[in-house]
Amino acid sequence: MYKWLTETPFSHRGLHGSKIEYIENTLSAFHAANAKGHGFECDILLSKDNRAMVFHDVDLNRLTDHSGKIQDFTAEQLSKFKLKNSHDTIPTLAKVLTNIHRNYPILIEIKGDQGKPNVIAQTVYEEIQDYAGPLAIMSFYPDILLWFQKNAPNVPRGLVATSINENDMPKEYFSIDMQKSLIDDLNVDFIAYDIKALPNDVTEYCRDKHIAVLTWTVRTEELRQKAILYTDNSIYENLDL
């Protein structure tokens, strides 16, 4: 187990939300997390020219004044798009890694929504392989984790999971039995599980095997106490920790 996975909380998409002025997945939000002595989680999608962009949604309209999908634009174009009510723009992963404090850990969630698991995995690896700070990748998508297992086994990797089907991912991704199988087959270093679905057999299985259990997204004091009881660390939002 990597000790740093459990030693400091991770702010979800950086420190942002109703209690702070910063927008999610921005350099400002990441700097704010580090200023508290916390790590952060961020999301990765691909641009039109297959650069790793730090952004959560495939569609641009929630956080910018632009329409269309992130893959409709190059990294150079996206890096000029200002986020709503903010001076921040959409950063590349490379820009984030060269501008944040390397003493604090990073969780990089690699999104599979664009259907290019090998491309996005390799792109992220090319950006992170020379990074000197504590860093791990994680994903809902087994093909992305499999790429790292085969090609970059020294990069810590985690399975993001839930048993609550609230989106368009394949139904088998929500299966407790499949998740336990993936933990073994992919030899993951940690799991990041939906706080709403705790406790469950998967997280207990991980704890029995001394695999770190993280949970998302912890947004209330009640959920924080639940996380303390059932997991090793929290990915939090809108909490004064």
C-alpha atoms as a PDB file:
ATOM      1  CA  MET A   1       0.000   0.000   0.000  1.00  0.00           C
ATOM      2  CA  TYR A   2       1.263   3.479  -0.874  1.00  0.00           C
ATOM      3  CA  LYS A   3       1.141   5.363   2.456  1.00  0.00           C
ATOM      4  CA  TRP A   4       0.511   8.718   0.818  1.00  0.00           C
ATOM      5  CA  LEU A   5      -2.846   7.448  -0.474  1.00  0.00           C
ATOM      6  CA  THR A   6      -4.185   7.517   3.066  1.00  0.00           C
ATOM      7  CA  GLU A   7      -2.198  10.266   4.788  1.00  0.00           C
ATOM      8  CA  THR A   8      -3.982  13.392   3.521  1.00  0.00           C
ATOM      9  CA  PRO A   9      -7.503  14.049   2.212  1.00  0.00           C
ATOM     10  CA  PHE A  10      -8.063  14.664  -1.496  1.00  0.00           C
ATOM     11  CA  SER A  11     -10.184  17.580  -2.628  1.00  0.00           C
ATOM     12  CA  HIS A  12     -12.600  16.578  -5.385  1.00  0.00           C
ATOM     13  CA  ARG A  13     -11.579  18.376  -8.586  1.00  0.00           C
ATOM     14  CA  GLY A  14      -9.555  20.724  -6.405  1.00  0.00           C
ATOM     15  CA  LEU A  15     -10.881  23.071  -3.745  1.00  0.00           C
ATOM     16  CA  HIS A  16     -13.993  24.632  -5.267  1.00  0.00           C
ATOM     17  CA  GLY A  17     -17.723  24.988  -4.765  1.00  0.00           C
ATOM     18  CA  SER A  18     -20.176  27.074  -2.773  1.00  0.00           C
ATOM     19  CA  LYS A  19     -17.695  27.977  -0.031  1.00  0.00           C
ATOM     20  CA  ILE A  20     -14.902  29.140  -2.317  1.00  0.00           C
ATOM     21  CA  GLU A  21     -14.666  31.190  -5.498  1.00  0.00           C
ATOM     22  CA  TYR A  22     -12.699  28.753  -7.618  1.00  0.00           C
ATOM     23  CA  ILE A  23     -14.076  26.531 -10.374  1.00  0.00           C
ATOM     24  CA  GLU A  24     -13.499  22.774 -10.441  1.00  0.00           C
ATOM     25  CA  ASN A  25     -10.470  21.298 -12.221  1.00  0.00           C
ATOM     26  CA  THR A  26      -8.571  24.583 -12.410  1.00  0.00           C
ATOM     27  CA  LEU A  27      -5.102  25.599 -11.335  1.00  0.00           C
ATOM     28  CA  SER A  28      -6.669  27.965  -8.801  1.00  0.00           C
ATOM     29  CA  ALA A  29      -8.633  25.101  -7.229  1.00  0.00           C
ATOM     30  CA  PHE A  30      -5.564  22.867  -7.119  1.00  0.00           C
ATOM     31  CA  HIS A  31      -3.387  25.576  -5.568  1.00  0.00           C
ATOM     32  CA  ALA A  32      -6.094  26.181  -2.949  1.00  0.00           C
ATOM     33  CA  ALA A  33      -6.099  22.486  -2.036  1.00  0.00           C
ATOM     34  CA  ASN A  34      -2.340  22.427  -1.688  1.00  0.00           C
ATOM     35  CA  ALA A  35      -2.461  25.583   0.444  1.00  0.00           C
ATOM     36  CA  LYS A  36      -4.498  23.560   2.963  1.00  0.00           C
ATOM     37  CA  GLY A  37      -1.936  20.781   2.881  1.00  0.00           C
ATOM     38  CA  HIS A  38      -4.296  18.518   0.929  1.00  0.00           C
ATOM     39  CA  GLY A  39      -3.979  16.560  -2.263  1.00  0.00           C
ATOM     40  CA  PHE A  40      -6.481  16.796  -5.092  1.00  0.00           C
ATOM     41  CA  GLU A  41      -8.334  14.677  -7.623  1.00  0.00           C
ATOM     42  CA  CYS A  42      -8.699  15.766 -11.246  1.00  0.00           C
ATOM     43  CA  ASP A  43     -10.363  14.450 -14.413  1.00  0.00           C
ATOM     44  CA  ILE A  44      -8.856  13.838 -17.840  1.00  0.00           C
ATOM     45  CA  LEU A  45     -10.444  13.874 -21.299  1.00  0.00           C
ATOM     46  CA  LEU A  46      -8.854  14.101 -24.740  1.00  0.00           C
ATOM     47  CA  SER A  47      -8.789  17.109 -27.034  1.00  0.00           C
ATOM     48  CA  LYS A  48      -9.210  16.852 -30.803  1.00  0.00           C
ATOM     49  CA  ASP A  49      -5.439  16.439 -31.153  1.00  0.00           C
ATOM     50  CA  ASN A  50      -5.325  13.813 -28.382  1.00  0.00           C
ATOM     51  CA  ARG A  51      -3.844  15.974 -25.630  1.00  0.00           C
ATOM     52  CA  ALA A  52      -4.748  15.291 -22.014  1.00  0.00           C
ATOM     53  CA  MET A  53      -7.113  18.042 -20.853  1.00  0.00           C
ATOM     54  CA  VAL A  54      -8.145  18.549 -17.234  1.00  0.00           C
ATOM     55  CA  PHE A  55     -11.928  18.679 -17.556  1.00  0.00           C
ATOM     56  CA  HIS A  56     -14.798  16.520 -16.327  1.00  0.00           C
ATOM     57  CA  ASP A  57     -17.584  16.800 -18.912  1.00  0.00           C
ATOM     58  CA  VAL A  58     -17.456  15.750 -22.538  1.00  0.00           C
ATOM     59  CA  ASP A  59     -19.815  18.667 -23.251  1.00  0.00           C
ATOM     60  CA  LEU A  60     -18.438  22.170 -22.773  1.00  0.00           C
ATOM     61  CA  ASN A  61     -21.647  24.056 -22.007  1.00  0.00           C
ATOM     62  CA  ARG A  62     -21.896  23.506 -18.222  1.00  0.00           C
ATOM     63  CA  LEU A  63     -18.627  25.243 -17.407  1.00  0.00           C
ATOM     64  CA  THR A  64     -17.877  27.431 -20.432  1.00  0.00           C
ATOM     65  CA  ASP A  65     -19.699  29.748 -22.803  1.00  0.00           C
ATOM     66  CA  HIS A  66     -18.797  27.478 -25.701  1.00  0.00           C
ATOM     67  CA  SER A  67     -20.973  24.753 -27.199  1.00  0.00           C
ATOM     68  CA  GLY A  68     -19.860  21.406 -28.528  1.00  0.00           C
ATOM     69  CA  LYS A  69     -17.699  18.641 -27.120  1.00  0.00           C
ATOM     70  CA  ILE A  70     -14.178  18.802 -25.813  1.00  0.00           C
ATOM     71  CA  GLN A  71     -12.953  16.568 -28.633  1.00  0.00           C
ATOM     72  CA  ASP A  72     -14.189  19.115 -31.173  1.00  0.00           C
ATOM     73  CA  PHE A  73     -11.318  21.465 -30.282  1.00  0.00           C
ATOM     74  CA  THR A  74      -7.544  21.292 -30.110  1.00  0.00           C
ATOM     75  CA  ALA A  75      -5.633  21.672 -26.870  1.00  0.00           C
ATOM     76  CA  GLU A  76      -4.481  25.121 -27.968  1.00  0.00           C
ATOM     77  CA  GLN A  77      -8.070  26.224 -28.536  1.00  0.00           C
ATOM     78  CA  LEU A  78      -9.342  24.705 -25.292  1.00  0.00           C
ATOM     79  CA  SER A  79      -6.568  26.307 -23.261  1.00  0.00           C
ATOM     80  CA  LYS A  80      -7.988  29.700 -24.242  1.00  0.00           C
ATOM     81  CA  PHE A  81     -11.569  28.902 -23.174  1.00  0.00           C
ATOM     82  CA  LYS A  82     -12.369  30.724 -19.947  1.00  0.00           C
ATOM     83  CA  LEU A  83     -14.563  28.968 -17.427  1.00  0.00           C
ATOM     84  CA  LYS A  84     -17.772  30.698 -16.399  1.00  0.00           C
ATOM     85  CA  ASN A  85     -17.363  33.342 -13.672  1.00  0.00           C
ATOM     86  CA  SER A  86     -13.632  32.742 -13.585  1.00  0.00           C
ATOM     87  CA  HIS A  87     -10.310  33.947 -14.944  1.00  0.00           C
ATOM     88  CA  ASP A  88      -9.153  30.322 -15.201  1.00  0.00           C
ATOM     89  CA  THR A  89      -9.048  28.469 -18.508  1.00  0.00           C
ATOM     90  CA  ILE A  90      -9.155  24.739 -19.268  1.00  0.00           C
ATOM     91  CA  PRO A  91      -5.658  23.456 -18.442  1.00  0.00           C
ATOM     92  CA  THR A  92      -3.708  20.682 -20.034  1.00  0.00           C
ATOM     93  CA  LEU A  93      -2.453  18.002 -17.681  1.00  0.00           C
ATOM     94  CA  ALA A  94       1.075  19.059 -18.587  1.00  0.00           C
ATOM     95  CA  LYS A  95       0.361  22.597 -17.399  1.00  0.00           C
ATOM     96  CA  VAL A  96      -1.074  21.357 -14.112  1.00  0.00           C
ATOM     97  CA  LEU A  97       1.895  19.109 -13.416  1.00  0.00           C
ATOM     98  CA  THR A  98       4.378  21.903 -14.042  1.00  0.00           C
ATOM     99  CA  ASN A  99       2.525  24.437 -11.899  1.00  0.00           C
ATOM    100  CA  ILE A 100       1.492  22.674  -8.690  1.00  0.00           C
ATOM    101  CA  HIS A 101       3.335  21.813  -5.473  1.00  0.00           C
ATOM    102  CA  ARG A 102       4.999  18.422  -5.760  1.00  0.00           C
ATOM    103  CA  ASN A 103       4.810  17.708  -2.018  1.00  0.00           C
ATOM    104  CA  TYR A 104       1.093  16.916  -2.235  1.00  0.00           C
ATOM    105  CA  PRO A 105      -0.464  13.874  -3.918  1.00  0.00           C
ATOM    106  CA  ILE A 106      -2.601  13.805  -7.047  1.00  0.00           C
ATOM    107  CA  LEU A 107      -5.301  11.380  -8.125  1.00  0.00           C
ATOM    108  CA  ILE A 108      -5.854  11.469 -11.889  1.00  0.00           C
ATOM    109  CA  GLU A 109      -9.203  10.049 -12.945  1.00  0.00           C
ATOM    110  CA  ILE A 110      -8.963   9.030 -16.584  1.00  0.00           C
ATOM    111  CA  LYS A 111     -12.383   9.199 -18.192  1.00  0.00           C
ATOM    112  CA  GLY A 112     -13.474   6.543 -20.675  1.00  0.00           C
ATOM    113  CA  ASP A 113     -16.426   8.434 -22.115  1.00  0.00           C
ATOM    114  CA  GLN A 114     -14.714   9.091 -25.451  1.00  0.00           C
ATOM    115  CA  GLY A 115     -14.182   5.404 -26.264  1.00  0.00           C
ATOM    116  CA  LYS A 116     -10.397   5.625 -26.777  1.00  0.00           C
ATOM    117  CA  PRO A 117      -9.009   3.757 -23.747  1.00  0.00           C
ATOM    118  CA  ASN A 118      -5.555   2.973 -25.111  1.00  0.00           C
ATOM    119  CA  VAL A 119      -5.045   6.429 -26.587  1.00  0.00           C
ATOM    120  CA  ILE A 120      -6.024   8.296 -23.433  1.00  0.00           C
ATOM    121  CA  ALA A 121      -4.025   5.925 -21.215  1.00  0.00           C
ATOM    122  CA  GLN A 122      -0.864   6.317 -23.265  1.00  0.00           C
ATOM    123  CA  THR A 123      -1.355  10.082 -23.502  1.00  0.00           C
ATOM    124  CA  VAL A 124      -1.630  10.412 -19.742  1.00  0.00           C
ATOM    125  CA  TYR A 125       1.382   8.193 -19.188  1.00  0.00           C
ATOM    126  CA  GLU A 126       3.508  10.286 -21.523  1.00  0.00           C
ATOM    127  CA  GLU A 127       2.606  13.356 -19.455  1.00  0.00           C
ATOM    128  CA  ILE A 128       3.202  11.838 -16.011  1.00  0.00           C
ATOM    129  CA  GLN A 129       6.218   9.574 -16.458  1.00  0.00           C
ATOM    130  CA  ASP A 130       8.739  12.265 -15.475  1.00  0.00           C
ATOM    131  CA  TYR A 131       6.631  13.779 -12.688  1.00  0.00           C
ATOM    132  CA  ALA A 132       8.503  13.557  -9.375  1.00  0.00           C
ATOM    133  CA  GLY A 133       5.636  13.954  -6.888  1.00  0.00           C
ATOM    134  CA  PRO A 134       3.196  11.348  -5.498  1.00  0.00           C
ATOM    135  CA  LEU A 135       0.634  10.524  -8.158  1.00  0.00           C
ATOM    136  CA  ALA A 136      -1.812   7.761  -9.056  1.00  0.00           C
ATOM    137  CA  ILE A 137      -4.196   7.125 -11.913  1.00  0.00           C
ATOM    138  CA  MET A 138      -7.696   5.740 -11.499  1.00  0.00           C
ATOM    139  CA  SER A 139     -10.654   4.942 -13.715  1.00  0.00           C
ATOM    140  CA  PHE A 140     -14.062   3.314 -13.926  1.00  0.00           C
ATOM    141  CA  TYR A 141     -12.909   1.704 -17.156  1.00  0.00           C
ATOM    142  CA  PRO A 142     -10.986  -1.592 -16.884  1.00  0.00           C
ATOM    143  CA  ASP A 143      -9.371  -1.220 -20.330  1.00  0.00           C
ATOM    144  CA  ILE A 144      -7.600   1.930 -19.153  1.00  0.00           C
ATOM    145  CA  LEU A 145      -6.296   0.223 -16.023  1.00  0.00           C
ATOM    146  CA  LEU A 146      -5.266  -2.787 -18.092  1.00  0.00           C
ATOM    147  CA  TRP A 147      -3.141  -0.559 -20.320  1.00  0.00           C
ATOM    148  CA  PHE A 148      -1.263   0.721 -17.271  1.00  0.00           C
ATOM    149  CA  GLN A 149      -0.929  -2.768 -15.829  1.00  0.00           C
ATOM    150  CA  LYS A 150       0.724  -3.965 -19.045  1.00  0.00           C
ATOM    151  CA  ASN A 151       2.705  -0.893 -20.045  1.00  0.00           C
ATOM    152  CA  ALA A 152       3.382   1.130 -16.887  1.00  0.00           C
ATOM    153  CA  PRO A 153       3.008  -1.238 -13.919  1.00  0.00           C
ATOM    154  CA  ASN A 154       4.976   1.041 -11.602  1.00  0.00           C
ATOM    155  CA  VAL A 155       2.314   3.770 -11.790  1.00  0.00           C
ATOM    156  CA  PRO A 156      -0.107   3.297  -8.871  1.00  0.00           C
ATOM    157  CA  ARG A 157      -3.573   2.513 -10.230  1.00  0.00           C
ATOM    158  CA  GLY A 158      -7.022   2.340  -8.710  1.00  0.00           C
ATOM    159  CA  LEU A 159     -10.478   1.184  -9.721  1.00  0.00           C
ATOM    160  CA  VAL A 160     -13.265   3.747  -9.391  1.00  0.00           C
ATOM    161  CA  ALA A 161     -16.474   1.919  -8.581  1.00  0.00           C
ATOM    162  CA  THR A 162     -20.088   2.062  -7.466  1.00  0.00           C
ATOM    163  CA  SER A 163     -22.928  -0.405  -7.279  1.00  0.00           C
ATOM    164  CA  ILE A 164     -25.497   2.329  -7.969  1.00  0.00           C
ATOM    165  CA  ASN A 165     -26.296   2.584 -11.678  1.00  0.00           C
ATOM    166  CA  GLU A 166     -26.895   6.283 -12.339  1.00  0.00           C
ATOM    167  CA  ASN A 167     -25.244   6.729 -15.729  1.00  0.00           C
ATOM    168  CA  ASP A 168     -24.617   5.198 -19.129  1.00  0.00           C
ATOM    169  CA  MET A 169     -21.721   2.865 -18.361  1.00  0.00           C
ATOM    170  CA  PRO A 170     -22.081  -0.850 -19.107  1.00  0.00           C
ATOM    171  CA  LYS A 171     -24.279  -2.632 -16.552  1.00  0.00           C
ATOM    172  CA  GLU A 172     -21.534  -5.093 -15.639  1.00  0.00           C
ATOM    173  CA  TYR A 173     -19.440  -2.233 -14.228  1.00  0.00           C
ATOM    174  CA  PHE A 174     -21.901  -2.061 -11.334  1.00  0.00           C
ATOM    175  CA  SER A 175     -21.631  -5.740 -10.466  1.00  0.00           C
ATOM    176  CA  ILE A 176     -20.091  -6.522  -7.075  1.00  0.00           C
ATOM    177  CA  ASP A 177     -18.743  -9.829  -8.385  1.00  0.00           C
ATOM    178  CA  MET A 178     -17.148  -8.185 -11.425  1.00  0.00           C
ATOM    179  CA  GLN A 179     -15.560  -5.487  -9.277  1.00  0.00           C
ATOM    180  CA  LYS A 180     -13.984  -8.092  -6.993  1.00  0.00           C
ATOM    181  CA  SER A 181     -12.706  -9.944 -10.026  1.00  0.00           C
ATOM    182  CA  LEU A 182     -11.202  -6.753 -11.488  1.00  0.00           C
ATOM    183  CA  ILE A 183      -9.417  -5.993  -8.232  1.00  0.00           C
ATOM    184  CA  ASP A 184      -7.564  -9.280  -8.580  1.00  0.00           C
ATOM    185  CA  ASP A 185      -7.157  -9.385 -12.363  1.00  0.00           C
ATOM    186  CA  LEU A 186      -5.856  -5.822 -12.601  1.00  0.00           C
ATOM    187  CA  ASN A 187      -3.852  -6.039  -9.367  1.00  0.00           C
ATOM    188  CA  VAL A 188      -5.000  -2.573  -8.318  1.00  0.00           C
ATOM    189  CA  ASP A 189      -3.288  -0.605  -5.570  1.00  0.00           C
ATOM    190  CA  PHE A 190      -6.494   0.994  -4.309  1.00  0.00           C
ATOM    191  CA  ILE A 191     -10.187   1.362  -4.935  1.00  0.00           C
ATOM    192  CA  ALA A 192     -12.211   4.593  -4.911  1.00  0.00           C
ATOM    193  CA  TYR A 193     -15.801   3.710  -4.052  1.00  0.00           C
ATOM    194  CA  ASP A 194     -19.035   5.691  -4.070  1.00  0.00           C
ATOM    195  CA  ILE A 195     -19.816   6.783  -0.483  1.00  0.00           C
ATOM    196  CA  LYS A 196     -23.533   6.257  -1.167  1.00  0.00           C
ATOM    197  CA  ALA A 197     -22.908   2.546  -1.758  1.00  0.00           C
ATOM    198  CA  LEU A 198     -20.947   1.861   1.442  1.00  0.00           C
ATOM    199  CA  PRO A 199     -20.480  -0.474   3.177  1.00  0.00           C
ATOM    200  CA  ASN A 200     -20.331  -3.390   0.745  1.00  0.00           C
ATOM    201  CA  ASP A 201     -18.547  -6.649   0.020  1.00  0.00           C
ATOM    202  CA  VAL A 202     -16.088  -5.044  -2.398  1.00  0.00           C
ATOM    203  CA  THR A 203     -14.601  -2.592   0.064  1.00  0.00           C
ATOM    204  CA  GLU A 204     -14.507  -5.217   2.798  1.00  0.00           C
ATOM    205  CA  TYR A 205     -12.719  -7.519   0.339  1.00  0.00           C
ATOM    206  CA  CYS A 206     -10.133  -4.798  -0.296  1.00  0.00           C
ATOM    207  CA  ARG A 207      -9.569  -4.131   3.385  1.00  0.00           C
ATOM    208  CA  ASP A 208      -9.058  -7.833   4.029  1.00  0.00           C
ATOM    209  CA  LYS A 209      -6.397  -7.811   1.289  1.00  0.00           C
ATOM    210  CA  HIS A 210      -4.798  -4.576   2.628  1.00  0.00           C
ATOM    211  CA  ILE A 211      -5.749  -2.638  -0.481  1.00  0.00           C
ATOM    212  CA  ALA A 212      -6.400   1.037   0.289  1.00  0.00           C
ATOM    213  CA  VAL A 213     -10.068   2.060   0.190  1.00  0.00           C
ATOM    214  CA  LEU A 214     -10.871   5.646  -0.760  1.00  0.00           C
ATOM    215  CA  THR A 215     -14.372   7.065  -1.138  1.00  0.00           C
ATOM    216  CA  TRP A 216     -16.077   9.813  -3.131  1.00  0.00           C
ATOM    217  CA  THR A 217     -17.678  12.290  -2.898  1.00  0.00           C
ATOM    218  CA  VAL A 218     -17.782  13.237   0.775  1.00  0.00           C
ATOM    219  CA  ARG A 219     -19.866  16.408   1.015  1.00  0.00           C
ATOM    220  CA  THR A 220     -21.326  16.422   4.563  1.00  0.00           C
ATOM    221  CA  GLU A 221     -20.122  15.786   8.091  1.00  0.00           C
ATOM    222  CA  GLU A 222     -22.405  12.754   8.245  1.00  0.00           C
ATOM    223  CA  LEU A 223     -20.733  11.293   5.174  1.00  0.00           C
ATOM    224  CA  ARG A 224     -17.304  12.136   6.581  1.00  0.00           C
ATOM    225  CA  GLN A 225     -18.055  10.065   9.656  1.00  0.00           C
ATOM    226  CA  LYS A 226     -19.249   7.238   7.428  1.00  0.00           C
ATOM    227  CA  ALA A 227     -16.017   7.450   5.461  1.00  0.00           C
ATOM    228  CA  ILE A 228     -13.960   7.263   8.660  1.00  0.00           C
ATOM    229  CA  LEU A 229     -15.822   4.113   9.644  1.00  0.00           C
ATOM    230  CA  TYR A 230     -15.585   2.209   6.360  1.00  0.00           C
ATOM    231  CA  THR A 231     -12.624   3.572   4.381  1.00  0.00           C
ATOM    232  CA  ASP A 232      -9.021   4.732   4.616  1.00  0.00           C
ATOM    233  CA  ASN A 233      -9.387   8.198   3.082  1.00  0.00           C
ATOM    234  CA  SER A 234     -11.854  10.666   1.565  1.00  0.00           C
ATOM    235  CA  ILE A 235     -12.206  12.527  -1.701  1.00  0.00           C
ATOM    236  CA  TYR A 236     -14.198  15.487  -0.402  1.00  0.00           C
ATOM    237  CA  GLU A 237     -16.028  18.601  -1.523  1.00  0.00           C
ATOM    238  CA  ASN A 238     -17.450  21.626   0.336  1.00  0.00           C
ATOM    239  CA  LEU A 239     -16.119  20.524   3.711  1.00  0.00           C
ATOM    240  CA  ASP A 240     -13.875  22.498   6.043  1.00  0.00           C
ATOM    241  CA  LEU A 241     -11.344  19.803   6.909  1.00  0.00           C
END
